[in-house]
Each structure stands twice: as C-alpha cells, then as structure tokens.
PDB file of N, CA and C in Angstrom:
ATOM      1  N   MET A   1     120.417 119.704 150.763  1.00  0.00           N
ATOM      2  CA  MET A   1     118.905 119.345 149.954  1.00  0.00           C
ATOM      3  C   MET A   1     118.045 119.040 150.888  1.00  0.00           C
ATOM      4  N   THR A   2     116.441 120.148 150.382  1.00  0.00           N
ATOM      5  CA  THR A   2     115.518 119.904 151.824  1.00  0.00           C
ATOM      6  C   THR A   2     114.586 118.775 151.166  1.00  0.00           C
ATOM      7  N   GLY A   3     114.047 118.479 152.131  1.00  0.00           N
ATOM      8  CA  GLY A   3     112.781 117.378 152.419  1.00  0.00           C
ATOM      9  C   GLY A   3     112.403 117.586 151.258  1.00  0.00           C
ATOM     10  N   GLU A   4     111.624 118.450 150.994  1.00  0.00           N
ATOM     11  CA  GLU A   4     110.988 118.056 149.592  1.00  0.00           C
ATOM     12  C   GLU A   4     111.680 117.954 148.294  1.00  0.00           C
ATOM     13  N   GLN A   5     112.734 118.394 148.139  1.00  0.00           N
ATOM     14  CA  GLN A   5     113.282 118.050 146.574  1.00  0.00           C
ATOM     15  C   GLN A   5     113.478 117.216 146.057  1.00  0.00           C
ATOM     16  N   LYS A   6     113.290 116.685 145.249  1.00  0.00           N
ATOM     17  CA  LYS A   6     113.889 115.238 145.236  1.00  0.00           C
ATOM     18  C   LYS A   6     115.788 115.314 143.980  1.00  0.00           C
ATOM     19  N   PRO A   7     116.434 114.430 144.067  1.00  0.00           N
ATOM     20  CA  PRO A   7     117.478 114.206 142.930  1.00  0.00           C
ATOM     21  C   PRO A   7     117.020 114.076 141.575  1.00  0.00           C
ATOM     22  N   LEU A   8     117.519 114.449 141.266  1.00  0.00           N
ATOM     23  CA  LEU A   8     116.943 114.255 139.591  1.00  0.00           C
ATOM     24  C   LEU A   8     117.711 113.376 138.506  1.00  0.00           C
ATOM     25  N   LEU A   9     118.847 113.125 139.315  1.00  0.00           N
ATOM     26  CA  LEU A   9     119.671 111.367 139.135  1.00  0.00           C
ATOM     27  C   LEU A   9     119.815 110.789 140.153  1.00  0.00           C
ATOM     28  N   ARG A  10     119.883 109.554 139.799  1.00  0.00           N
ATOM     29  CA  ARG A  10     120.193 108.395 141.551  1.00  0.00           C
ATOM     30  C   ARG A  10     120.759 107.761 140.935  1.00  0.00           C
ATOM     31  N   VAL A  11     121.961 106.881 141.872  1.00  0.00           N
ATOM     32  CA  VAL A  11     122.389 106.033 141.145  1.00  0.00           C
ATOM     33  C   VAL A  11     122.435 104.580 141.718  1.00  0.00           C
ATOM     34  N   VAL A  12     121.988 103.494 141.375  1.00  0.00           N
ATOM     35  CA  VAL A  12     121.192 102.444 141.687  1.00  0.00           C
ATOM     36  C   VAL A  12     122.106 101.775 141.647  1.00  0.00           C
ATOM     37  N   ARG A  13     123.275 101.350 141.354  1.00  0.00           N
ATOM     38  CA  ARG A  13     123.957  99.896 141.002  1.00  0.00           C
ATOM     39  C   ARG A  13     125.305 100.456 139.980  1.00  0.00           C
ATOM     40  N   GLY A  14     126.312  99.908 141.181  1.00  0.00           N
ATOM     41  CA  GLY A  14     127.880 101.086 140.459  1.00  0.00           C
ATOM     42  C   GLY A  14     128.545 101.569 140.803  1.00  0.00           C
ATOM     43  N   ASN A  15     129.798 102.395 141.123  1.00  0.00           N
ATOM     44  CA  ASN A  15     130.456 103.126 141.352  1.00  0.00           C
ATOM     45  C   ASN A  15     130.955 104.635 140.728  1.00  0.00           C
ATOM     46  N   PRO A  16     129.955 104.976 139.296  1.00  0.00           N
ATOM     47  CA  PRO A  16     130.807 106.201 138.797  1.00  0.00           C
ATOM     48  C   PRO A  16     131.523 107.243 138.990  1.00  0.00           C
ATOM     49  N   SER A  17     132.779 107.025 137.550  1.00  0.00           N
ATOM     50  CA  SER A  17     133.190 108.283 138.173  1.00  0.00           C
ATOM     51  C   SER A  17     132.412 110.197 137.901  1.00  0.00           C
ATOM     52  N   ASP A  18     133.196 110.680 138.520  1.00  0.00           N
ATOM     53  CA  ASP A  18     132.638 112.029 138.264  1.00  0.00           C
ATOM     54  C   ASP A  18     132.527 112.444 136.781  1.00  0.00           C
ATOM     55  N   ALA A  19     133.166 112.285 135.915  1.00  0.00           N
ATOM     56  CA  ALA A  19     133.690 111.928 134.224  1.00  0.00           C
ATOM     57  C   ALA A  19     132.624 111.510 133.810  1.00  0.00           C
ATOM     58  N   GLU A  20     131.655 110.022 134.001  1.00  0.00           N
ATOM     59  CA  GLU A  20     130.498 109.658 133.657  1.00  0.00           C
ATOM     60  C   GLU A  20     129.345 110.673 134.274  1.00  0.00           C
ATOM     61  N   LEU A  21     129.100 110.528 135.474  1.00  0.00           N
ATOM     62  CA  LEU A  21     127.758 111.028 136.282  1.00  0.00           C
ATOM     63  C   LEU A  21     127.764 112.895 135.444  1.00  0.00           C
ATOM     64  N   ALA A  22     129.357 112.962 135.139  1.00  0.00           N
ATOM     65  CA  ALA A  22     128.790 114.680 134.224  1.00  0.00           C
ATOM     66  C   ALA A  22     128.669 114.440 133.137  1.00  0.00           C
ATOM     67  N   ALA A  23     128.779 113.449 132.016  1.00  0.00           N
ATOM     68  CA  ALA A  23     128.294 112.988 131.076  1.00  0.00           C
ATOM     69  C   ALA A  23     127.334 112.687 130.985  1.00  0.00           C
ATOM     70  N   LEU A  24     126.465 111.780 131.255  1.00  0.00           N
ATOM     71  CA  LEU A  24     125.056 111.482 131.371  1.00  0.00           C
ATOM     72  C   LEU A  24     124.352 112.669 132.029  1.00  0.00           C
ATOM     73  N   THR A  25     124.513 113.879 132.905  1.00  0.00           N
ATOM     74  CA  THR A  25     123.985 114.427 133.206  1.00  0.00           C
ATOM     75  C   THR A  25     124.094 115.378 131.895  1.00  0.00           C
ATOM     76  N   ALA A  26     124.567 115.666 131.176  1.00  0.00           N
ATOM     77  CA  ALA A  26     124.813 116.751 130.220  1.00  0.00           C
ATOM     78  C   ALA A  26     123.977 115.521 129.360  1.00  0.00           C
ATOM     79  N   VAL A  27     123.848 114.446 129.050  1.00  0.00           N
ATOM     80  CA  VAL A  27     122.632 113.659 127.919  1.00  0.00           C
ATOM     81  C   VAL A  27     121.284 114.033 128.556  1.00  0.00           C
ATOM     82  N   VAL A  28     121.124 113.463 129.526  1.00  0.00           N
ATOM     83  CA  VAL A  28     120.057 114.007 130.272  1.00  0.00           C
ATOM     84  C   VAL A  28     119.202 115.156 129.788  1.00  0.00           C
ATOM     85  N   ALA A  29     120.380 115.906 130.285  1.00  0.00           N
ATOM     86  CA  ALA A  29     119.715 117.981 130.395  1.00  0.00           C
ATOM     87  C   ALA A  29     119.334 118.040 128.241  1.00  0.00           C
ATOM     88  N   ALA A  30     120.412 117.850 127.284  1.00  0.00           N
ATOM     89  CA  ALA A  30     119.965 117.800 126.229  1.00  0.00           C
ATOM     90  C   ALA A  30     118.950 116.724 125.445  1.00  0.00           C
ATOM     91  N   ALA A  31     118.566 116.207 126.525  1.00  0.00           N
ATOM     92  CA  ALA A  31     117.551 115.525 126.019  1.00  0.00           C
ATOM     93  C   ALA A  31     116.024 116.056 126.626  1.00  0.00           C
ATOM     94  N   SER A  32     116.271 116.197 127.103  1.00  0.00           N
ATOM     95  CA  SER A  32     114.835 117.096 128.452  1.00  0.00           C
ATOM     96  C   SER A  32     114.563 118.456 127.668  1.00  0.00           C
ATOM     97  N   ALA A  33     115.636 119.025 126.582  1.00  0.00           N
ATOM     98  CA  ALA A  33     115.924 120.640 126.242  1.00  0.00           C
ATOM     99  C   ALA A  33     115.566 120.018 124.656  1.00  0.00           C
ATOM    100  N   ALA A  34     115.536 119.068 124.508  1.00  0.00           N
ATOM    101  CA  ALA A  34     114.865 118.881 122.951  1.00  0.00           C
ATOM    102  C   ALA A  34     113.832 119.093 122.610  1.00  0.00           C
ATOM    103  N   LYS A  35     113.457 120.296 121.512  1.00  0.00           N
ATOM    104  CA  LYS A  35     111.975 120.790 121.106  1.00  0.00           C
ATOM    105  C   LYS A  35     111.497 119.289 120.802  1.00  0.00           C
ATOM    106  N   ALA A  36     109.763 119.080 121.350  1.00  0.00           N
ATOM    107  CA  ALA A  36     109.027 118.113 120.938  1.00  0.00           C
ATOM    108  C   ALA A  36     108.569 118.497 119.350  1.00  0.00           C
ATOM    109  N   PRO A  37     108.356 118.145 118.052  1.00  0.00           N
ATOM    110  CA  PRO A  37     108.224 118.036 116.793  1.00  0.00           C
ATOM    111  C   PRO A  37     106.953 118.645 116.872  1.00  0.00           C
ATOM    112  N   GLU A  38     106.830 120.051 115.803  1.00  0.00           N
ATOM    113  CA  GLU A  38     106.324 120.780 115.475  1.00  0.00           C
ATOM    114  C   GLU A  38     104.368 120.038 114.302  1.00  0.00           C
ATOM    115  N   LYS A  39     103.373 120.152 115.168  1.00  0.00           N
ATOM    116  CA  LYS A  39     102.406 119.670 114.951  1.00  0.00           C
ATOM    117  C   LYS A  39     102.169 120.678 113.777  1.00  0.00           C
ATOM    118  N   PRO A  40     101.103 119.688 112.304  1.00  0.00           N
ATOM    119  CA  PRO A  40     100.865 120.452 111.874  1.00  0.00           C
ATOM    120  C   PRO A  40      99.224 121.064 111.725  1.00  0.00           C
ATOM    121  N   LYS A  41      99.795 122.406 111.498  1.00  0.00           N
ATOM    122  CA  LYS A  41      98.386 123.958 111.441  1.00  0.00           C
ATOM    123  C   LYS A  41      97.266 122.574 111.005  1.00  0.00           C
ATOM    124  N   PRO A  42      95.999 122.872 111.660  1.00  0.00           N
ATOM    125  CA  PRO A  42      95.207 122.282 110.941  1.00  0.00           C
ATOM    126  C   PRO A  42      94.725 123.378 109.871  1.00  0.00           C
ATOM    127  N   ARG A  43      94.145 122.336 109.039  1.00  0.00           N
ATOM    128  CA  ARG A  43      93.005 123.008 107.739  1.00  0.00           C
ATOM    129  C   ARG A  43      92.601 124.363 107.779  1.00  0.00           C
ATOM    130  N   THR A  44      92.313 124.897 107.627  1.00  0.00           N
ATOM    131  CA  THR A  44      91.573 126.241 108.133  1.00  0.00           C
ATOM    132  C   THR A  44      89.866 125.575 107.089  1.00  0.00           C
ATOM    133  N   SER A  45      88.767 126.445 107.222  1.00  0.00           N
ATOM    134  CA  SER A  45      87.573 126.102 106.949  1.00  0.00           C
ATOM    135  C   SER A  45      88.245 126.529 105.331  1.00  0.00           C
ATOM    136  N   TRP A  46      86.491 125.689 104.630  1.00  0.00           N
ATOM    137  CA  TRP A  46      86.538 126.252 103.280  1.00  0.00           C
ATOM    138  C   TRP A  46      85.568 128.002 103.813  1.00  0.00           C
ATOM    139  N   TRP A  47      85.138 127.895 104.548  1.00  0.00           N
ATOM    140  CA  TRP A  47      83.902 129.265 104.864  1.00  0.00           C
ATOM    141  C   TRP A  47      85.121 130.696 105.491  1.00  0.00           C
ATOM    142  N   GLY A  48      86.441 130.370 105.546  1.00  0.00           N
ATOM    143  CA  GLY A  48      86.902 131.483 105.558  1.00  0.00           C
ATOM    144  C   GLY A  48      88.465 131.511 104.990  1.00  0.00           C
ATOM    145  N   ASP A  49      87.883 130.540 103.878  1.00  0.00           N
ATOM    146  CA  ASP A  49      89.485 130.889 102.796  1.00  0.00           C
ATOM    147  C   ASP A  49      88.870 131.671 101.555  1.00  0.00           C
ATOM    148  N   HIS A  50      90.026 133.078 101.659  1.00  0.00           N
ATOM    149  CA  HIS A  50      89.439 134.199 100.630  1.00  0.00           C
ATOM    150  C   HIS A  50      89.643 133.409  99.576  1.00  0.00           C
ATOM    151  N   ALA A  51      90.596 133.052  98.965  1.00  0.00           N
ATOM    152  CA  ALA A  51      91.511 132.800  97.613  1.00  0.00           C
ATOM    153  C   ALA A  51      89.626 131.836  97.072  1.00  0.00           C
ATOM    154  N   ALA A  52      88.806 131.250  97.678  1.00  0.00           N
ATOM    155  CA  ALA A  52      87.877 130.948  97.167  1.00  0.00           C
ATOM    156  C   ALA A  52      87.049 132.115  97.027  1.00  0.00           C
ATOM    157  N   LEU A  53      87.089 133.705  97.176  1.00  0.00           N
ATOM    158  CA  LEU A  53      86.026 134.408  96.699  1.00  0.00           C
ATOM    159  C   LEU A  53      86.894 134.975  94.894  1.00  0.00           C
ATOM    160  N   LEU A  54      88.655 134.532  94.757  1.00  0.00           N
ATOM    161  CA  LEU A  54      88.798 135.118  93.717  1.00  0.00           C
ATOM    162  C   LEU A  54      88.000 134.059  92.375  1.00  0.00           C
ATOM    163  N   ARG A  55      87.815 134.636  91.285  1.00  0.00           N
ATOM    164  CA  ARG A  55      87.366 134.319  89.497  1.00  0.00           C
ATOM    165  C   ARG A  55      88.581 133.330  89.706  1.00  0.00           C
ATOM    166  N   LYS A  56      88.068 131.900  89.402  1.00  0.00           N
ATOM    167  CA  LYS A  56      88.694 131.519  88.630  1.00  0.00           C
ATOM    168  C   LYS A  56      88.521 130.518  86.734  1.00  0.00           C
ATOM    169  N   PRO A  57      88.957 130.318  86.123  1.00  0.00           N
ATOM    170  CA  PRO A  57      88.765 130.285  84.395  1.00  0.00           C
ATOM    171  C   PRO A  57      88.352 129.523  84.604  1.00  0.00           C
ATOM    172  N   HIS A  58      87.089 129.157  83.270  1.00  0.00           N
ATOM    173  CA  HIS A  58      85.788 128.681  83.040  1.00  0.00           C
ATOM    174  C   HIS A  58      86.746 127.647  81.657  1.00  0.00           C
ATOM    175  N   HIS A  59      85.900 126.826  82.294  1.00  0.00           N
ATOM    176  CA  HIS A  59      86.938 125.599  80.744  1.00  0.00           C
ATOM    177  C   HIS A  59      85.567 125.617  80.102  1.00  0.00           C
ATOM    178  N   PRO A  60      85.527 125.303  78.832  1.00  0.00           N
ATOM    179  CA  PRO A  60      84.307 125.042  77.917  1.00  0.00           C
ATOM    180  C   PRO A  60      84.425 123.893  77.879  1.00  0.00           C
ATOM    181  N   GLY A  61      83.473 122.925  78.022  1.00  0.00           N
ATOM    182  CA  GLY A  61      83.239 121.360  77.659  1.00  0.00           C
ATOM    183  C   GLY A  61      81.933 120.660  78.373  1.00  0.00           C
ATOM    184  N   GLU A  62      81.808 119.477  77.966  1.00  0.00           N
ATOM    185  CA  GLU A  62      80.636 118.674  78.701  1.00  0.00           C
ATOM    186  C   GLU A  62      80.606 118.712  79.692  1.00  0.00           C
ATOM    187  N   GLY A  63      79.697 119.140  80.555  1.00  0.00           N
ATOM    188  CA  GLY A  63      79.493 119.146  81.498  1.00  0.00           C
ATOM    189  C   GLY A  63      80.546 120.343  82.399  1.00  0.00           C
ATOM    190  N   ALA A  64      80.871 121.435  81.565  1.00  0.00           N
ATOM    191  CA  ALA A  64      81.340 122.604  82.164  1.00  0.00           C
ATOM    192  C   ALA A  64      80.617 123.408  83.289  1.00  0.00           C
ATOM    193  N   TRP A  65      79.374 123.666  82.906  1.00  0.00           N
ATOM    194  CA  TRP A  65      78.259 124.368  83.666  1.00  0.00           C
ATOM    195  C   TRP A  65      77.914 123.505  85.027  1.00  0.00           C
ATOM    196  N   ARG A  66      77.931 122.548  85.060  1.00  0.00           N
ATOM    197  CA  ARG A  66      77.627 121.376  86.235  1.00  0.00           C
ATOM    198  C   ARG A  66      79.099 121.878  87.177  1.00  0.00           C
ATOM    199  N   ALA A  67      80.348 121.510  86.834  1.00  0.00           N
ATOM    200  CA  ALA A  67      80.881 121.456  87.302  1.00  0.00           C
ATOM    201  C   ALA A  67      81.660 123.314  87.973  1.00  0.00           C
ATOM    202  N   SER A  68      81.464 123.872  87.280  1.00  0.00           N
ATOM    203  CA  SER A  68      81.457 125.520  87.640  1.00  0.00           C
ATOM    204  C   SER A  68      80.916 125.505  89.080  1.00  0.00           C
ATOM    205  N   GLY A  69      79.498 124.919  89.420  1.00  0.00           N
ATOM    206  CA  GLY A  69      79.526 125.394  90.446  1.00  0.00           C
ATOM    207  C   GLY A  69      80.067 124.465  91.810  1.00  0.00           C
ATOM    208  N   LEU A  70      81.199 123.930  91.495  1.00  0.00           N
ATOM    209  CA  LEU A  70      81.247 122.696  92.484  1.00  0.00           C
ATOM    210  C   LEU A  70      82.882 123.262  93.027  1.00  0.00           C
ATOM    211  N   PRO A  71      82.759 123.007  94.423  1.00  0.00           N
ATOM    212  CA  PRO A  71      84.047 123.342  95.037  1.00  0.00           C
ATOM    213  C   PRO A  71      84.987 123.004  94.361  1.00  0.00           C
ATOM    214  N   GLN A  72      86.425 124.140  94.223  1.00  0.00           N
ATOM    215  CA  GLN A  72      87.234 124.107  93.882  1.00  0.00           C
ATOM    216  C   GLN A  72      88.737 124.028  94.775  1.00  0.00           C
ATOM    217  N   GLY A  73      89.361 122.755  94.171  1.00  0.00           N
ATOM    218  CA  GLY A  73      90.573 122.829  95.034  1.00  0.00           C
ATOM    219  C   GLY A  73      91.949 122.105  94.715  1.00  0.00           C
TER     220      GLY A  73
END
C-alpha cells in the first residue's frame, strides 16, 4: 500500500475472521453499487407542448365561450 492510498475498510475493534471480512466487504460493495433512485422528469413548459396545438372538442353550454380561451389540461 502506498502512502497516499487509504484502506477502504479498517477493523477498529475485535478480530473478525476472513469469512466475516469477506461478507462485510461484499455488503459494502453492493451498497455502493446500488443505483440512486431516479428523479422524476421536470414538467416541460406549456409553451413547448405540441399537444396544445391540436384542436380540442368544444362543449356547448353556459360559459363555454369563456372556457374555450382557457388552457385545457
């Protein structure tokens, strides 16, 4: 081991057997290899939503003309 390299694991107390050290090393390696949970994609802007360009059906009724100009979602 060189002077700059630090050990990955260090036994502070007790005398673990080779099998116990191997098991501990396997657990630590598996925990470090586990993927972090994926973050949900941020919602895109309404300005870039191409689905908004499609015509939506109009429903007749009271206030329908006013609602036709509001964003549909």
